[in-house]
Amino acid sequence: MTSPNKALEVQLQMKQNAEELHDFMKELESWEKDIKQVDSELRKQSGAPEENLPPIRNEAYRKKKKSKTKVPSKKTTEENQKNKIKSYDYEAWGKLDVDRILEELDKEDSTHDSVSPDSDSEEDGIRIDQEKAIAEKEKVITALNDFFNAIILKQYL
């Protein structure tokens, strides 16, 4: 089989599996409702009082956890939104100038880092910054290569 046909078959299989799962969950929910109804009818017939059972485990914990979520500061949120590139915006990723970003990071690092006390000149300090920049650049290039490989692989699914 050719790869486009294989990809379509896999996609069709995934869709069918999702539909089966959805149908199963619907049937399970209706079964649960039926059982609860029968259970309540049997309890009424026997004259036993209905029990107020505690909530399903961790339900209260989840509610507390949701209410305790941190609210990020407005300034950082605005900065992140302004600088963030959407994952599906391939043109923006293509236009991204990694070298410029690395230079900005190096400038920030150089203002925060001082020259090592063992060095006699500033060249040693610059070399360290260049080594950091090269290492950071390699990380970024590797990440971008992985990203583009994922995009290429996604086309075949």
Protein backbone atom coordinates (compact mmCIF):
# COMPACT_ATOMS: atom_id res chain seq x y z
CA MET A 1 0.00 0.00 0.00
CA THR A 2 1.08 3.53 -0.56
CA SER A 3 1.65 5.83 2.36
CA PRO A 4 -1.30 8.19 1.64
CA ASN A 5 -3.70 5.22 1.63
CA LYS A 6 -2.11 3.89 4.80
CA ALA A 7 -2.45 7.31 6.43
CA LEU A 8 -6.11 7.50 5.45
CA GLU A 9 -6.74 4.02 6.82
CA VAL A 10 -5.09 4.94 10.12
CA GLN A 11 -7.12 8.14 10.29
CA LEU A 12 -10.34 6.24 9.55
CA GLN A 13 -9.49 3.65 12.20
CA MET A 14 -8.87 6.41 14.76
CA LYS A 15 -12.23 7.99 13.91
CA GLN A 16 -14.03 4.66 14.26
CA ASN A 17 -12.31 3.98 17.58
CA ALA A 18 -13.38 7.40 18.87
CA GLU A 19 -16.97 6.78 17.79
CA GLU A 20 -16.99 3.35 19.48
CA LEU A 21 -15.62 4.86 22.67
CA HIS A 22 -18.22 7.63 22.57
CA ASP A 23 -21.03 5.09 22.07
CA PHE A 24 -19.68 2.93 24.88
CA MET A 25 -19.57 5.89 27.26
CA LYS A 26 -23.15 6.84 26.35
CA GLU A 27 -24.32 3.29 27.05
CA LEU A 28 -22.39 3.24 30.32
CA GLU A 29 -24.00 6.50 31.45
CA SER A 30 -27.50 5.27 30.57
CA TRP A 31 -26.80 1.99 32.40
CA GLU A 32 -25.63 3.94 35.44
CA LYS A 33 -28.82 6.04 35.43
CA ASP A 34 -30.96 2.91 35.11
CA ILE A 35 -29.17 1.19 37.99
CA LYS A 36 -29.51 4.26 40.21
CA GLN A 37 -33.22 4.44 39.41
CA VAL A 38 -33.74 0.75 40.21
CA ASP A 39 -31.70 1.15 43.39
CA SER A 40 -33.76 4.12 44.56
CA GLU A 41 -37.01 2.22 43.81
CA LEU A 42 -35.79 -0.79 45.81
CA ARG A 43 -34.83 1.45 48.73
CA LYS A 44 -38.28 3.06 48.71
CA GLN A 45 -39.97 -0.36 48.68
CA SER A 46 -37.89 -1.67 51.56
CA GLY A 47 -38.50 1.47 53.60
CA ALA A 48 -34.79 2.05 54.21
CA PRO A 49 -33.85 5.73 54.48
CA GLU A 50 -31.66 7.10 51.71
CA GLU A 51 -28.08 7.46 52.74
CA ASN A 52 -26.19 10.67 52.26
CA LEU A 53 -22.92 9.22 51.14
CA PRO A 54 -19.73 11.26 51.02
CA PRO A 55 -18.72 12.56 47.60
CA ILE A 56 -16.64 10.53 45.25
CA ARG A 57 -13.04 10.44 46.42
CA ASN A 58 -10.85 13.45 45.73
CA GLU A 59 -13.77 15.49 44.39
CA ALA A 60 -13.46 18.04 47.19
CA TYR A 61 -9.69 18.07 46.79
CA ARG A 62 -9.97 18.81 43.07
CA LYS A 63 -12.33 21.71 43.78
CA LYS A 64 -9.92 23.15 46.33
CA LYS A 65 -7.03 22.73 43.94
CA LYS A 66 -8.88 24.55 41.16
CA SER A 67 -9.74 27.44 43.46
CA LYS A 68 -6.11 27.83 44.59
CA THR A 69 -4.69 28.38 41.11
CA LYS A 70 -2.16 31.20 40.98
CA VAL A 71 -3.01 34.34 39.14
CA PRO A 72 0.06 35.46 37.17
CA SER A 73 0.99 39.09 37.26
CA LYS A 74 -0.45 41.28 34.54
CA LYS A 75 2.95 42.49 33.36
CA THR A 76 4.42 39.04 32.73
CA THR A 77 1.21 37.81 31.12
CA GLU A 78 1.14 40.73 28.70
CA GLU A 79 4.82 40.27 27.84
CA ASN A 80 4.35 36.56 27.23
CA GLN A 81 1.30 37.13 25.04
CA LYS A 82 3.15 39.74 23.01
CA ASN A 83 6.26 37.60 22.46
CA LYS A 84 4.59 34.22 22.12
CA ILE A 85 4.40 32.54 18.72
CA LYS A 86 1.44 30.28 18.14
CA SER A 87 2.40 26.65 17.53
CA TYR A 88 0.38 26.52 14.32
CA ASP A 89 1.83 29.77 12.89
CA TYR A 90 4.46 28.21 10.64
CA GLU A 91 5.24 31.46 8.84
CA ALA A 92 6.13 33.16 12.12
CA TRP A 93 8.37 30.24 13.08
CA GLY A 94 10.04 30.50 9.68
CA LYS A 95 10.64 34.23 10.13
CA LEU A 96 12.03 33.75 13.65
CA ASP A 97 15.58 35.12 13.80
CA VAL A 98 17.33 32.78 16.22
CA ASP A 99 20.67 34.59 15.94
CA ARG A 100 19.09 37.91 16.99
CA ILE A 101 17.40 36.27 19.97
CA LEU A 102 20.67 34.63 21.00
CA GLU A 103 22.45 37.99 20.77
CA GLU A 104 19.81 39.54 23.02
CA LEU A 105 20.21 36.70 25.49
CA ASP A 106 23.98 37.13 25.40
CA LYS A 107 23.61 40.87 26.09
CA GLU A 108 21.37 40.11 29.06
CA ASP A 109 23.83 37.50 30.35
CA SER A 110 26.79 39.81 29.89
CA THR A 111 25.12 42.55 31.93
CA HIS A 112 24.40 40.08 34.74
CA ASP A 113 27.66 38.13 34.60
CA SER A 114 30.97 39.65 35.50
CA VAL A 115 34.32 38.67 34.08
CA SER A 116 35.89 35.77 35.95
CA PRO A 117 38.45 36.88 38.57
CA ASP A 118 41.08 34.48 37.20
CA SER A 119 41.19 36.12 33.78
CA ASP A 120 43.61 38.96 33.03
CA SER A 121 41.62 40.44 30.16
CA GLU A 122 38.03 40.78 29.06
CA GLU A 123 38.61 38.39 26.17
CA ASP A 124 38.35 35.42 28.52
CA GLY A 125 34.97 36.68 29.68
CA ILE A 126 33.83 37.15 26.10
CA ARG A 127 34.95 33.63 25.21
CA ILE A 128 32.86 32.23 28.01
CA ASP A 129 29.86 34.18 26.73
CA GLN A 130 30.54 32.91 23.20
CA GLU A 131 30.72 29.34 24.46
CA LYS A 132 27.40 29.82 26.23
CA ALA A 133 25.93 31.33 23.10
CA ILE A 134 27.16 28.45 20.95
CA ALA A 135 25.76 25.90 23.38
CA GLU A 136 22.45 27.77 23.54
CA LYS A 137 22.36 28.09 19.76
CA GLU A 138 22.92 24.34 19.38
CA LYS A 139 20.04 23.68 21.77
CA VAL A 140 17.76 25.98 19.81
CA ILE A 141 18.79 24.46 16.48
CA THR A 142 18.17 20.96 17.83
CA ALA A 143 14.76 22.01 19.11
CA LEU A 144 13.85 23.61 15.79
CA ASN A 145 15.02 20.52 13.88
CA ASP A 146 12.84 18.34 16.11
CA PHE A 147 9.92 20.71 15.57
CA PHE A 148 10.26 20.67 11.79
CA ASN A 149 10.71 16.88 11.74
CA ALA A 150 7.48 16.57 13.73
CA ILE A 151 5.72 18.76 11.17
CA ILE A 152 7.02 16.59 8.34
CA LEU A 153 5.95 13.40 10.12
CA LYS A 154 2.53 14.87 10.86
CA GLN A 155 1.92 15.24 7.14
CA TYR A 156 2.06 11.46 6.76
CA LEU A 157 -0.52 10.76 9.47
